[in-house]
Amino acid sequence: MVRHRLHNTVTLGRFNDALQWARDINAVCKKRGWTEFSVMVPSFGVVNQFILEAEYPDHAAFFRENEAFQADSEAMSIYRHGVELVAHGTHPWDELEETAPLQLA
């Protein structure tokens, strides 16, 4: 299993806009048959952290959907609107995690 997380710090007062942005991204994903994202927030820590998270069965599935997303003008147009939500002085970042093997040779 592979988990993709896109982290953002949202400008104070714009969190509801970020939630709408996530709904808009998921609407395109649903229409195209791609994996939809969950919105995650930390219980404690940096204020207004906003994490989009999606799980894929393997790396191939992630890269296939990621490439399709980046080649889709509607998806990228919506995605780019997220830039206006990012808190000044912060930068979005993403991570890709994979299931660890239960035992190594």
PDB file of N, CA and C in Angstrom:
ATOM      1  N   MET A   1       0.849  -1.168   0.000  1.00  0.00           N
ATOM      2  CA  MET A   1       0.000   0.000   0.000  1.00  0.00           C
ATOM      3  C   MET A   1       0.899   1.237   0.000  1.00  0.00           C
ATOM      4  N   VAL A   2       0.449   2.256  -0.732  1.00  0.00           N
ATOM      5  CA  VAL A   2       1.174   3.515  -0.842  1.00  0.00           C
ATOM      6  C   VAL A   2       0.229   4.639  -0.427  1.00  0.00           C
ATOM      7  N   ARG A   3       0.730   5.534   0.407  1.00  0.00           N
ATOM      8  CA  ARG A   3      -0.073   6.675   0.871  1.00  0.00           C
ATOM      9  C   ARG A   3       0.597   7.971   0.420  1.00  0.00           C
ATOM     10  N   HIS A   4      -0.188   8.821  -0.243  1.00  0.00           N
ATOM     11  CA  HIS A   4       0.291  10.131  -0.688  1.00  0.00           C
ATOM     12  C   HIS A   4      -0.350  11.197   0.186  1.00  0.00           C
ATOM     13  N   ARG A   5       0.468  12.097   0.703  1.00  0.00           N
ATOM     14  CA  ARG A   5      -0.020  13.206   1.523  1.00  0.00           C
ATOM     15  C   ARG A   5       0.522  14.517   0.977  1.00  0.00           C
ATOM     16  N   LEU A   6      -0.378  15.450   0.769  1.00  0.00           N
ATOM     17  CA  LEU A   6      -0.005  16.800   0.357  1.00  0.00           C
ATOM     18  C   LEU A   6      -0.310  17.729   1.526  1.00  0.00           C
ATOM     19  N   HIS A   7       0.728  18.342   2.080  1.00  0.00           N
ATOM     20  CA  HIS A   7       0.612  19.201   3.263  1.00  0.00           C
ATOM     21  C   HIS A   7       0.596  20.676   2.857  1.00  0.00           C
ATOM     22  N   ASN A   8      -0.276  21.436   3.491  1.00  0.00           N
ATOM     23  CA  ASN A   8      -0.344  22.886   3.302  1.00  0.00           C
ATOM     24  C   ASN A   8      -0.593  23.549   4.646  1.00  0.00           C
ATOM     25  N   THR A   9      -0.151  24.778   4.779  1.00  0.00           N
ATOM     26  CA  THR A   9      -0.584  25.621   5.883  1.00  0.00           C
ATOM     27  C   THR A   9      -1.472  26.682   5.248  1.00  0.00           C
ATOM     28  N   VAL A  10      -2.724  26.701   5.651  1.00  0.00           N
ATOM     29  CA  VAL A  10      -3.718  27.584   5.044  1.00  0.00           C
ATOM     30  C   VAL A  10      -3.716  28.926   5.765  1.00  0.00           C
ATOM     31  N   THR A  11      -3.829  29.996   4.992  1.00  0.00           N
ATOM     32  CA  THR A  11      -3.934  31.338   5.560  1.00  0.00           C
ATOM     33  C   THR A  11      -5.094  31.391   6.552  1.00  0.00           C
ATOM     34  N   LEU A  12      -4.861  32.036   7.699  1.00  0.00           N
ATOM     35  CA  LEU A  12      -5.925  32.173   8.688  1.00  0.00           C
ATOM     36  C   LEU A  12      -7.133  32.846   8.053  1.00  0.00           C
ATOM     37  N   GLY A  13      -8.298  32.320   8.338  1.00  0.00           N
ATOM     38  CA  GLY A  13      -9.533  32.852   7.770  1.00  0.00           C
ATOM     39  C   GLY A  13      -9.915  32.241   6.436  1.00  0.00           C
ATOM     40  N   ARG A  14      -9.080  31.338   5.896  1.00  0.00           N
ATOM     41  CA  ARG A  14      -9.346  30.743   4.577  1.00  0.00           C
ATOM     42  C   ARG A  14      -9.569  29.233   4.651  1.00  0.00           C
ATOM     43  N   PHE A  15      -9.734  28.687   5.841  1.00  0.00           N
ATOM     44  CA  PHE A  15      -9.858  27.235   5.971  1.00  0.00           C
ATOM     45  C   PHE A  15     -11.089  26.704   5.251  1.00  0.00           C
ATOM     46  N   ASN A  16     -12.198  27.419   5.349  1.00  0.00           N
ATOM     47  CA  ASN A  16     -13.408  26.970   4.648  1.00  0.00           C
ATOM     48  C   ASN A  16     -13.184  26.959   3.135  1.00  0.00           C
ATOM     49  N   ASP A  17     -12.415  27.930   2.639  1.00  0.00           N
ATOM     50  CA  ASP A  17     -12.067  27.946   1.214  1.00  0.00           C
ATOM     51  C   ASP A  17     -11.224  26.723   0.852  1.00  0.00           C
ATOM     52  N   ALA A  18     -10.339  26.328   1.759  1.00  0.00           N
ATOM     53  CA  ALA A  18      -9.514  25.143   1.515  1.00  0.00           C
ATOM     54  C   ALA A  18     -10.383  23.884   1.466  1.00  0.00           C
ATOM     55  N   LEU A  19     -11.396  23.823   2.319  1.00  0.00           N
ATOM     56  CA  LEU A  19     -12.312  22.684   2.279  1.00  0.00           C
ATOM     57  C   LEU A  19     -13.060  22.625   0.949  1.00  0.00           C
ATOM     58  N   GLN A  20     -13.467  23.782   0.443  1.00  0.00           N
ATOM     59  CA  GLN A  20     -14.129  23.817  -0.865  1.00  0.00           C
ATOM     60  C   GLN A  20     -13.169  23.399  -1.969  1.00  0.00           C
ATOM     61  N   TRP A  21     -11.924  23.834  -1.872  1.00  0.00           N
ATOM     62  CA  TRP A  21     -10.886  23.455  -2.836  1.00  0.00           C
ATOM     63  C   TRP A  21     -10.738  21.933  -2.869  1.00  0.00           C
ATOM     64  N   ALA A  22     -10.724  21.308  -1.694  1.00  0.00           N
ATOM     65  CA  ALA A  22     -10.619  19.844  -1.627  1.00  0.00           C
ATOM     66  C   ALA A  22     -11.842  19.182  -2.254  1.00  0.00           C
ATOM     67  N   ARG A  23     -13.021  19.729  -1.994  1.00  0.00           N
ATOM     68  CA  ARG A  23     -14.234  19.165  -2.608  1.00  0.00           C
ATOM     69  C   ARG A  23     -14.174  19.280  -4.129  1.00  0.00           C
ATOM     70  N   ASP A  24     -13.662  20.401  -4.632  1.00  0.00           N
ATOM     71  CA  ASP A  24     -13.544  20.600  -6.079  1.00  0.00           C
ATOM     72  C   ASP A  24     -12.555  19.615  -6.692  1.00  0.00           C
ATOM     73  N   ILE A  25     -11.429  19.397  -6.016  1.00  0.00           N
ATOM     74  CA  ILE A  25     -10.459  18.408  -6.503  1.00  0.00           C
ATOM     75  C   ILE A  25     -11.100  17.022  -6.523  1.00  0.00           C
ATOM     76  N   ASN A  26     -11.790  16.668  -5.456  1.00  0.00           N
ATOM     77  CA  ASN A  26     -12.410  15.345  -5.384  1.00  0.00           C
ATOM     78  C   ASN A  26     -13.513  15.172  -6.418  1.00  0.00           C
ATOM     79  N   ALA A  27     -14.191  16.255  -6.776  1.00  0.00           N
ATOM     80  CA  ALA A  27     -15.226  16.156  -7.809  1.00  0.00           C
ATOM     81  C   ALA A  27     -14.605  15.736  -9.147  1.00  0.00           C
ATOM     82  N   VAL A  28     -13.453  16.315  -9.473  1.00  0.00           N
ATOM     83  CA  VAL A  28     -12.759  15.928 -10.711  1.00  0.00           C
ATOM     84  C   VAL A  28     -12.264  14.490 -10.602  1.00  0.00           C
ATOM     85  N   CYS A  29     -11.691  14.144  -9.451  1.00  0.00           N
ATOM     86  CA  CYS A  29     -11.203  12.771  -9.259  1.00  0.00           C
ATOM     87  C   CYS A  29     -12.338  11.764  -9.421  1.00  0.00           C
ATOM     88  N   LYS A  30     -13.472  12.057  -8.832  1.00  0.00           N
ATOM     89  CA  LYS A  30     -14.621  11.148  -8.934  1.00  0.00           C
ATOM     90  C   LYS A  30     -15.079  11.014 -10.375  1.00  0.00           C
ATOM     91  N   LYS A  31     -15.148  12.145 -11.080  1.00  0.00           N
ATOM     92  CA  LYS A  31     -15.586  12.138 -12.479  1.00  0.00           C
ATOM     93  C   LYS A  31     -14.646  11.314 -13.356  1.00  0.00           C
ATOM     94  N   ARG A  32     -13.350  11.340 -13.053  1.00  0.00           N
ATOM     95  CA  ARG A  32     -12.356  10.624 -13.866  1.00  0.00           C
ATOM     96  C   ARG A  32     -12.118   9.187 -13.383  1.00  0.00           C
ATOM     97  N   GLY A  33     -12.719   8.825 -12.248  1.00  0.00           N
ATOM     98  CA  GLY A  33     -12.500   7.484 -11.710  1.00  0.00           C
ATOM     99  C   GLY A  33     -11.187   7.344 -10.960  1.00  0.00           C
ATOM    100  N   TRP A  34     -10.628   8.459 -10.499  1.00  0.00           N
ATOM    101  CA  TRP A  34      -9.377   8.448  -9.744  1.00  0.00           C
ATOM    102  C   TRP A  34      -9.670   8.347  -8.254  1.00  0.00           C
ATOM    103  N   THR A  35      -8.654   8.030  -7.507  1.00  0.00           N
ATOM    104  CA  THR A  35      -8.753   7.966  -6.058  1.00  0.00           C
ATOM    105  C   THR A  35      -9.062   9.348  -5.500  1.00  0.00           C
ATOM    106  N   GLU A  36     -10.031   9.411  -4.596  1.00  0.00           N
ATOM    107  CA  GLU A  36     -10.366  10.684  -3.964  1.00  0.00           C
ATOM    108  C   GLU A  36      -9.530  10.866  -2.700  1.00  0.00           C
ATOM    109  N   PHE A  37      -9.378  12.118  -2.299  1.00  0.00           N
ATOM    110  CA  PHE A  37      -8.566  12.476  -1.140  1.00  0.00           C
ATOM    111  C   PHE A  37      -9.422  12.631   0.109  1.00  0.00           C
ATOM    112  N   SER A  38      -8.850  12.284   1.249  1.00  0.00           N
ATOM    113  CA  SER A  38      -9.424  12.624   2.547  1.00  0.00           C
ATOM    114  C   SER A  38      -8.747  13.900   3.007  1.00  0.00           C
ATOM    115  N   VAL A  39      -9.459  14.717   3.740  1.00  0.00           N
ATOM    116  CA  VAL A  39      -8.860  15.907   4.340  1.00  0.00           C
ATOM    117  C   VAL A  39      -8.510  15.562   5.779  1.00  0.00           C
ATOM    118  N   MET A  40      -7.250  15.728   6.112  1.00  0.00           N
ATOM    119  CA  MET A  40      -6.763  15.424   7.452  1.00  0.00           C
ATOM    120  C   MET A  40      -6.227  16.709   8.082  1.00  0.00           C
ATOM    121  N   VAL A  41      -6.379  16.821   9.388  1.00  0.00           N
ATOM    122  CA  VAL A  41      -5.815  17.942  10.142  1.00  0.00           C
ATOM    123  C   VAL A  41      -5.195  17.372  11.414  1.00  0.00           C
ATOM    124  N   PRO A  42      -4.076  17.942  11.861  1.00  0.00           N
ATOM    125  CA  PRO A  42      -3.508  17.461  13.124  1.00  0.00           C
ATOM    126  C   PRO A  42      -4.361  17.925  14.304  1.00  0.00           C
ATOM    127  N   SER A  43      -4.437  17.108  15.318  1.00  0.00           N
ATOM    128  CA  SER A  43      -5.172  17.491  16.527  1.00  0.00           C
ATOM    129  C   SER A  43      -4.421  18.573  17.297  1.00  0.00           C
ATOM    130  N   PHE A  44      -3.107  18.521  17.257  1.00  0.00           N
ATOM    131  CA  PHE A  44      -2.252  19.492  17.926  1.00  0.00           C
ATOM    132  C   PHE A  44      -1.113  19.853  16.991  1.00  0.00           C
ATOM    133  N   GLY A  45      -0.529  21.009  17.177  1.00  0.00           N
ATOM    134  CA  GLY A  45       0.621  21.406  16.365  1.00  0.00           C
ATOM    135  C   GLY A  45       0.365  22.716  15.660  1.00  0.00           C
ATOM    136  N   VAL A  46       0.952  22.859  14.496  1.00  0.00           N
ATOM    137  CA  VAL A  46       0.843  24.083  13.716  1.00  0.00           C
ATOM    138  C   VAL A  46      -0.624  24.344  13.372  1.00  0.00           C
ATOM    139  N   VAL A  47      -1.056  25.573  13.568  1.00  0.00           N
ATOM    140  CA  VAL A  47      -2.441  25.956  13.299  1.00  0.00           C
ATOM    141  C   VAL A  47      -2.682  26.012  11.792  1.00  0.00           C
ATOM    142  N   ASN A  48      -3.856  25.583  11.374  1.00  0.00           N
ATOM    143  CA  ASN A  48      -4.326  25.607   9.990  1.00  0.00           C
ATOM    144  C   ASN A  48      -3.528  24.714   9.045  1.00  0.00           C
ATOM    145  N   GLN A  49      -3.000  23.613   9.581  1.00  0.00           N
ATOM    146  CA  GLN A  49      -2.412  22.602   8.712  1.00  0.00           C
ATOM    147  C   GLN A  49      -3.554  21.892   7.997  1.00  0.00           C
ATOM    148  N   PHE A  50      -3.350  21.610   6.735  1.00  0.00           N
ATOM    149  CA  PHE A  50      -4.381  21.031   5.877  1.00  0.00           C
ATOM    150  C   PHE A  50      -3.697  19.960   5.056  1.00  0.00           C
ATOM    151  N   ILE A  51      -4.129  18.723   5.207  1.00  0.00           N
ATOM    152  CA  ILE A  51      -3.453  17.612   4.546  1.00  0.00           C
ATOM    153  C   ILE A  51      -4.456  16.862   3.673  1.00  0.00           C
ATOM    154  N   LEU A  52      -4.138  16.747   2.391  1.00  0.00           N
ATOM    155  CA  LEU A  52      -4.905  15.887   1.495  1.00  0.00           C
ATOM    156  C   LEU A  52      -4.199  14.541   1.473  1.00  0.00           C
ATOM    157  N   GLU A  53      -4.961  13.464   1.691  1.00  0.00           N
ATOM    158  CA  GLU A  53      -4.362  12.136   1.788  1.00  0.00           C
ATOM    159  C   GLU A  53      -5.124  11.152   0.920  1.00  0.00           C
ATOM    160  N   ALA A  54      -4.381  10.342   0.186  1.00  0.00           N
ATOM    161  CA  ALA A  54      -4.987   9.305  -0.652  1.00  0.00           C
ATOM    162  C   ALA A  54      -4.147   8.034  -0.552  1.00  0.00           C
ATOM    163  N   GLU A  55      -4.811   6.901  -0.634  1.00  0.00           N
ATOM    164  CA  GLU A  55      -4.125   5.613  -0.579  1.00  0.00           C
ATOM    165  C   GLU A  55      -4.299   4.869  -1.899  1.00  0.00           C
ATOM    166  N   TYR A  56      -3.233   4.193  -2.309  1.00  0.00           N
ATOM    167  CA  TYR A  56      -3.195   3.438  -3.560  1.00  0.00           C
ATOM    168  C   TYR A  56      -2.675   2.038  -3.263  1.00  0.00           C
ATOM    169  N   PRO A  57      -3.049   1.062  -4.068  1.00  0.00           N
ATOM    170  CA  PRO A  57      -2.590  -0.312  -3.802  1.00  0.00           C
ATOM    171  C   PRO A  57      -1.077  -0.493  -3.996  1.00  0.00           C
ATOM    172  N   ASP A  58      -0.470   0.325  -4.882  1.00  0.00           N
ATOM    173  CA  ASP A  58       0.963   0.185  -5.154  1.00  0.00           C
ATOM    174  C   ASP A  58       1.486   1.442  -5.841  1.00  0.00           C
ATOM    175  N   HIS A  59       2.796   1.493  -6.051  1.00  0.00           N
ATOM    176  CA  HIS A  59       3.420   2.653  -6.689  1.00  0.00           C
ATOM    177  C   HIS A  59       2.898   2.872  -8.105  1.00  0.00           C
ATOM    178  N   ALA A  60       2.695   1.798  -8.841  1.00  0.00           N
ATOM    179  CA  ALA A  60       2.231   1.922 -10.230  1.00  0.00           C
ATOM    180  C   ALA A  60       0.890   2.646 -10.291  1.00  0.00           C
ATOM    181  N   ALA A  61      -0.024   2.306  -9.392  1.00  0.00           N
ATOM    182  CA  ALA A  61      -1.336   2.965  -9.374  1.00  0.00           C
ATOM    183  C   ALA A  61      -1.192   4.443  -9.037  1.00  0.00           C
ATOM    184  N   PHE A  62      -0.344   4.756  -8.054  1.00  0.00           N
ATOM    185  CA  PHE A  62      -0.127   6.161  -7.705  1.00  0.00           C
ATOM    186  C   PHE A  62       0.413   6.935  -8.903  1.00  0.00           C
ATOM    187  N   PHE A  63       1.489   6.439  -9.508  1.00  0.00           N
ATOM    188  CA  PHE A  63       2.117   7.172 -10.605  1.00  0.00           C
ATOM    189  C   PHE A  63       1.192   7.276 -11.817  1.00  0.00           C
ATOM    190  N   ARG A  64       0.406   6.266 -12.081  1.00  0.00           N
ATOM    191  CA  ARG A  64      -0.540   6.306 -13.200  1.00  0.00           C
ATOM    192  C   ARG A  64      -1.563   7.429 -12.977  1.00  0.00           C
ATOM    193  N   GLU A  65      -2.149   7.493 -11.786  1.00  0.00           N
ATOM    194  CA  GLU A  65      -3.143   8.533 -11.512  1.00  0.00           C
ATOM    195  C   GLU A  65      -2.510   9.912 -11.401  1.00  0.00           C
ATOM    196  N   ASN A  66      -1.330   9.990 -10.817  1.00  0.00           N
ATOM    197  CA  ASN A  66      -0.650  11.278 -10.684  1.00  0.00           C
ATOM    198  C   ASN A  66      -0.329  11.867 -12.061  1.00  0.00           C
ATOM    199  N   GLU A  67       0.160  11.038 -12.960  1.00  0.00           N
ATOM    200  CA  GLU A  67       0.463  11.511 -14.314  1.00  0.00           C
ATOM    201  C   GLU A  67      -0.810  11.926 -15.052  1.00  0.00           C
ATOM    202  N   ALA A  68      -1.889  11.162 -14.886  1.00  0.00           N
ATOM    203  CA  ALA A  68      -3.163  11.513 -15.520  1.00  0.00           C
ATOM    204  C   ALA A  68      -3.694  12.825 -14.954  1.00  0.00           C
ATOM    205  N   PHE A  69      -3.590  13.008 -13.633  1.00  0.00           N
ATOM    206  CA  PHE A  69      -4.042  14.234 -12.981  1.00  0.00           C
ATOM    207  C   PHE A  69      -3.273  15.437 -13.546  1.00  0.00           C
ATOM    208  N   GLN A  70      -1.948  15.320 -13.615  1.00  0.00           N
ATOM    209  CA  GLN A  70      -1.117  16.431 -14.087  1.00  0.00           C
ATOM    210  C   GLN A  70      -1.316  16.732 -15.565  1.00  0.00           C
ATOM    211  N   ALA A  71      -1.818  15.775 -16.320  1.00  0.00           N
ATOM    212  CA  ALA A  71      -2.070  15.985 -17.749  1.00  0.00           C
ATOM    213  C   ALA A  71      -3.491  16.477 -18.012  1.00  0.00           C
ATOM    214  N   ASP A  72      -4.306  16.581 -16.981  1.00  0.00           N
ATOM    215  CA  ASP A  72      -5.705  16.958 -17.120  1.00  0.00           C
ATOM    216  C   ASP A  72      -5.862  18.455 -16.842  1.00  0.00           C
ATOM    217  N   SER A  73      -6.295  19.220 -17.825  1.00  0.00           N
ATOM    218  CA  SER A  73      -6.361  20.680 -17.665  1.00  0.00           C
ATOM    219  C   SER A  73      -7.368  21.107 -16.599  1.00  0.00           C
ATOM    220  N   GLU A  74      -8.493  20.414 -16.488  1.00  0.00           N
ATOM    221  CA  GLU A  74      -9.475  20.781 -15.465  1.00  0.00           C
ATOM    222  C   GLU A  74      -8.920  20.516 -14.062  1.00  0.00           C
ATOM    223  N   ALA A  75      -8.321  19.358 -13.871  1.00  0.00           N
ATOM    224  CA  ALA A  75      -7.752  19.015 -12.566  1.00  0.00           C
ATOM    225  C   ALA A  75      -6.657  20.000 -12.172  1.00  0.00           C
ATOM    226  N   MET A  76      -5.771  20.324 -13.111  1.00  0.00           N
ATOM    227  CA  MET A  76      -4.668  21.221 -12.798  1.00  0.00           C
ATOM    228  C   MET A  76      -5.134  22.655 -12.574  1.00  0.00           C
ATOM    229  N   SER A  77      -6.167  23.077 -13.269  1.00  0.00           N
ATOM    230  CA  SER A  77      -6.709  24.416 -13.056  1.00  0.00           C
ATOM    231  C   SER A  77      -7.228  24.551 -11.619  1.00  0.00           C
ATOM    232  N   ILE A  78      -7.961  23.550 -11.166  1.00  0.00           N
ATOM    233  CA  ILE A  78      -8.467  23.560  -9.789  1.00  0.00           C
ATOM    234  C   ILE A  78      -7.309  23.461  -8.801  1.00  0.00           C
ATOM    235  N   TYR A  79      -6.374  22.572  -9.064  1.00  0.00           N
ATOM    236  CA  TYR A  79      -5.226  22.387  -8.172  1.00  0.00           C
ATOM    237  C   TYR A  79      -4.454  23.694  -7.997  1.00  0.00           C
ATOM    238  N   ARG A  80      -4.235  24.408  -9.073  1.00  0.00           N
ATOM    239  CA  ARG A  80      -3.468  25.663  -9.013  1.00  0.00           C
ATOM    240  C   ARG A  80      -4.165  26.746  -8.191  1.00  0.00           C
ATOM    241  N   HIS A  81      -5.483  26.667  -8.070  1.00  0.00           N
ATOM    242  CA  HIS A  81      -6.192  27.646  -7.239  1.00  0.00           C
ATOM    243  C   HIS A  81      -5.815  27.509  -5.759  1.00  0.00           C
ATOM    244  N   GLY A  82      -5.278  26.359  -5.390  1.00  0.00           N
ATOM    245  CA  GLY A  82      -4.855  26.154  -4.012  1.00  0.00           C
ATOM    246  C   GLY A  82      -3.715  27.052  -3.592  1.00  0.00           C
ATOM    247  N   VAL A  83      -2.951  27.567  -4.552  1.00  0.00           N
ATOM    248  CA  VAL A  83      -1.819  28.438  -4.242  1.00  0.00           C
ATOM    249  C   VAL A  83      -2.271  29.674  -3.466  1.00  0.00           C
ATOM    250  N   GLU A  84      -3.435  30.197  -3.812  1.00  0.00           N
ATOM    251  CA  GLU A  84      -3.912  31.411  -3.141  1.00  0.00           C
ATOM    252  C   GLU A  84      -4.332  31.156  -1.698  1.00  0.00           C
ATOM    253  N   LEU A  85      -4.396  29.897  -1.275  1.00  0.00           N
ATOM    254  CA  LEU A  85      -4.789  29.553   0.091  1.00  0.00           C
ATOM    255  C   LEU A  85      -3.602  29.356   1.024  1.00  0.00           C
ATOM    256  N   VAL A  86      -2.407  29.230   0.469  1.00  0.00           N
ATOM    257  CA  VAL A  86      -1.209  28.919   1.250  1.00  0.00           C
ATOM    258  C   VAL A  86      -0.789  30.135   2.073  1.00  0.00           C
ATOM    259  N   ALA A  87      -0.565  29.911   3.360  1.00  0.00           N
ATOM    260  CA  ALA A  87      -0.164  30.989   4.262  1.00  0.00           C
ATOM    261  C   ALA A  87       1.175  31.585   3.829  1.00  0.00           C
ATOM    262  N   HIS A  88       1.263  32.898   3.891  1.00  0.00           N
ATOM    263  CA  HIS A  88       2.487  33.615   3.521  1.00  0.00           C
ATOM    264  C   HIS A  88       3.668  33.078   4.335  1.00  0.00           C
ATOM    265  N   GLY A  89       4.767  32.836   3.657  1.00  0.00           N
ATOM    266  CA  GLY A  89       5.972  32.358   4.323  1.00  0.00           C
ATOM    267  C   GLY A  89       6.033  30.851   4.504  1.00  0.00           C
ATOM    268  N   THR A  90       5.019  30.133   4.019  1.00  0.00           N
ATOM    269  CA  THR A  90       5.049  28.670   4.096  1.00  0.00           C
ATOM    270  C   THR A  90       5.062  28.104   2.684  1.00  0.00           C
ATOM    271  N   HIS A  91       5.416  26.859   2.597  1.00  0.00           N
ATOM    272  CA  HIS A  91       5.448  26.179   1.302  1.00  0.00           C
ATOM    273  C   HIS A  91       4.779  24.815   1.441  1.00  0.00           C
ATOM    274  N   PRO A  92       3.911  24.471   0.501  1.00  0.00           N
ATOM    275  CA  PRO A  92       3.330  23.124   0.519  1.00  0.00           C
ATOM    276  C   PRO A  92       4.423  22.080   0.311  1.00  0.00           C
ATOM    277  N   TRP A  93       4.193  20.905   0.802  1.00  0.00           N
ATOM    278  CA  TRP A  93       5.108  19.787   0.557  1.00  0.00           C
ATOM    279  C   TRP A  93       4.316  18.503   0.556  1.00  0.00           C
ATOM    280  N   ASP A  94       4.868  17.499  -0.116  1.00  0.00           N
ATOM    281  CA  ASP A  94       4.163  16.230  -0.124  1.00  0.00           C
ATOM    282  C   ASP A  94       5.086  15.088   0.225  1.00  0.00           C
ATOM    283  N   GLU A  95       4.464  13.979   0.526  1.00  0.00           N
ATOM    284  CA  GLU A  95       5.216  12.786   0.896  1.00  0.00           C
ATOM    285  C   GLU A  95       4.522  11.563   0.316  1.00  0.00           C
ATOM    286  N   LEU A  96       5.292  10.543   0.097  1.00  0.00           N
ATOM    287  CA  LEU A  96       4.777   9.271  -0.388  1.00  0.00           C
ATOM    288  C   LEU A  96       5.318   8.201   0.539  1.00  0.00           C
ATOM    289  N   GLU A  97       4.431   7.515   1.227  1.00  0.00           N
ATOM    290  CA  GLU A  97       4.826   6.476   2.172  1.00  0.00           C
ATOM    291  C   GLU A  97       4.395   5.122   1.635  1.00  0.00           C
ATOM    292  N   GLU A  98       5.143   4.102   1.997  1.00  0.00           N
ATOM    293  CA  GLU A  98       4.796   2.760   1.555  1.00  0.00           C
ATOM    294  C   GLU A  98       4.809   1.804   2.739  1.00  0.00           C
ATOM    295  N   THR A  99       4.070   0.736   2.618  1.00  0.00           N
ATOM    296  CA  THR A  99       4.034  -0.284   3.655  1.00  0.00           C
ATOM    297  C   THR A  99       5.414  -0.916   3.779  1.00  0.00           C
ATOM    298  N   ALA A 100       5.887  -1.003   4.989  1.00  0.00           N
ATOM    299  CA  ALA A 100       7.196  -1.619   5.238  1.00  0.00           C
ATOM    300  C   ALA A 100       7.068  -3.141   5.185  1.00  0.00           C
ATOM    301  N   PRO A 101       8.131  -3.812   4.754  1.00  0.00           N
ATOM    302  CA  PRO A 101       8.096  -5.275   4.776  1.00  0.00           C
ATOM    303  C   PRO A 101       8.059  -5.761   6.233  1.00  0.00           C
ATOM    304  N   LEU A 102       7.451  -6.902   6.455  1.00  0.00           N
ATOM    305  CA  LEU A 102       7.372  -7.438   7.812  1.00  0.00           C
ATOM    306  C   LEU A 102       8.699  -8.032   8.275  1.00  0.00           C
ATOM    307  N   GLN A 103       9.542  -8.391   7.300  1.00  0.00           N
ATOM    308  CA  GLN A 103      10.838  -8.958   7.655  1.00  0.00           C
ATOM    309  C   GLN A 103      11.795  -8.761   6.493  1.00  0.00           C
ATOM    310  N   LEU A 104      13.030  -8.481   6.804  1.00  0.00           N
ATOM    311  CA  LEU A 104      14.072  -8.347   5.780  1.00  0.00           C
ATOM    312  C   LEU A 104      14.930  -9.605   5.770  1.00  0.00           C
ATOM    313  N   ALA A 105      15.522  -9.894   4.628  1.00  0.00           N
ATOM    314  CA  ALA A 105      16.394 -11.070   4.506  1.00  0.00           C
ATOM    315  C   ALA A 105      17.676 -10.873   5.280  1.00  0.00           C
TER     316      ALA A 105
END
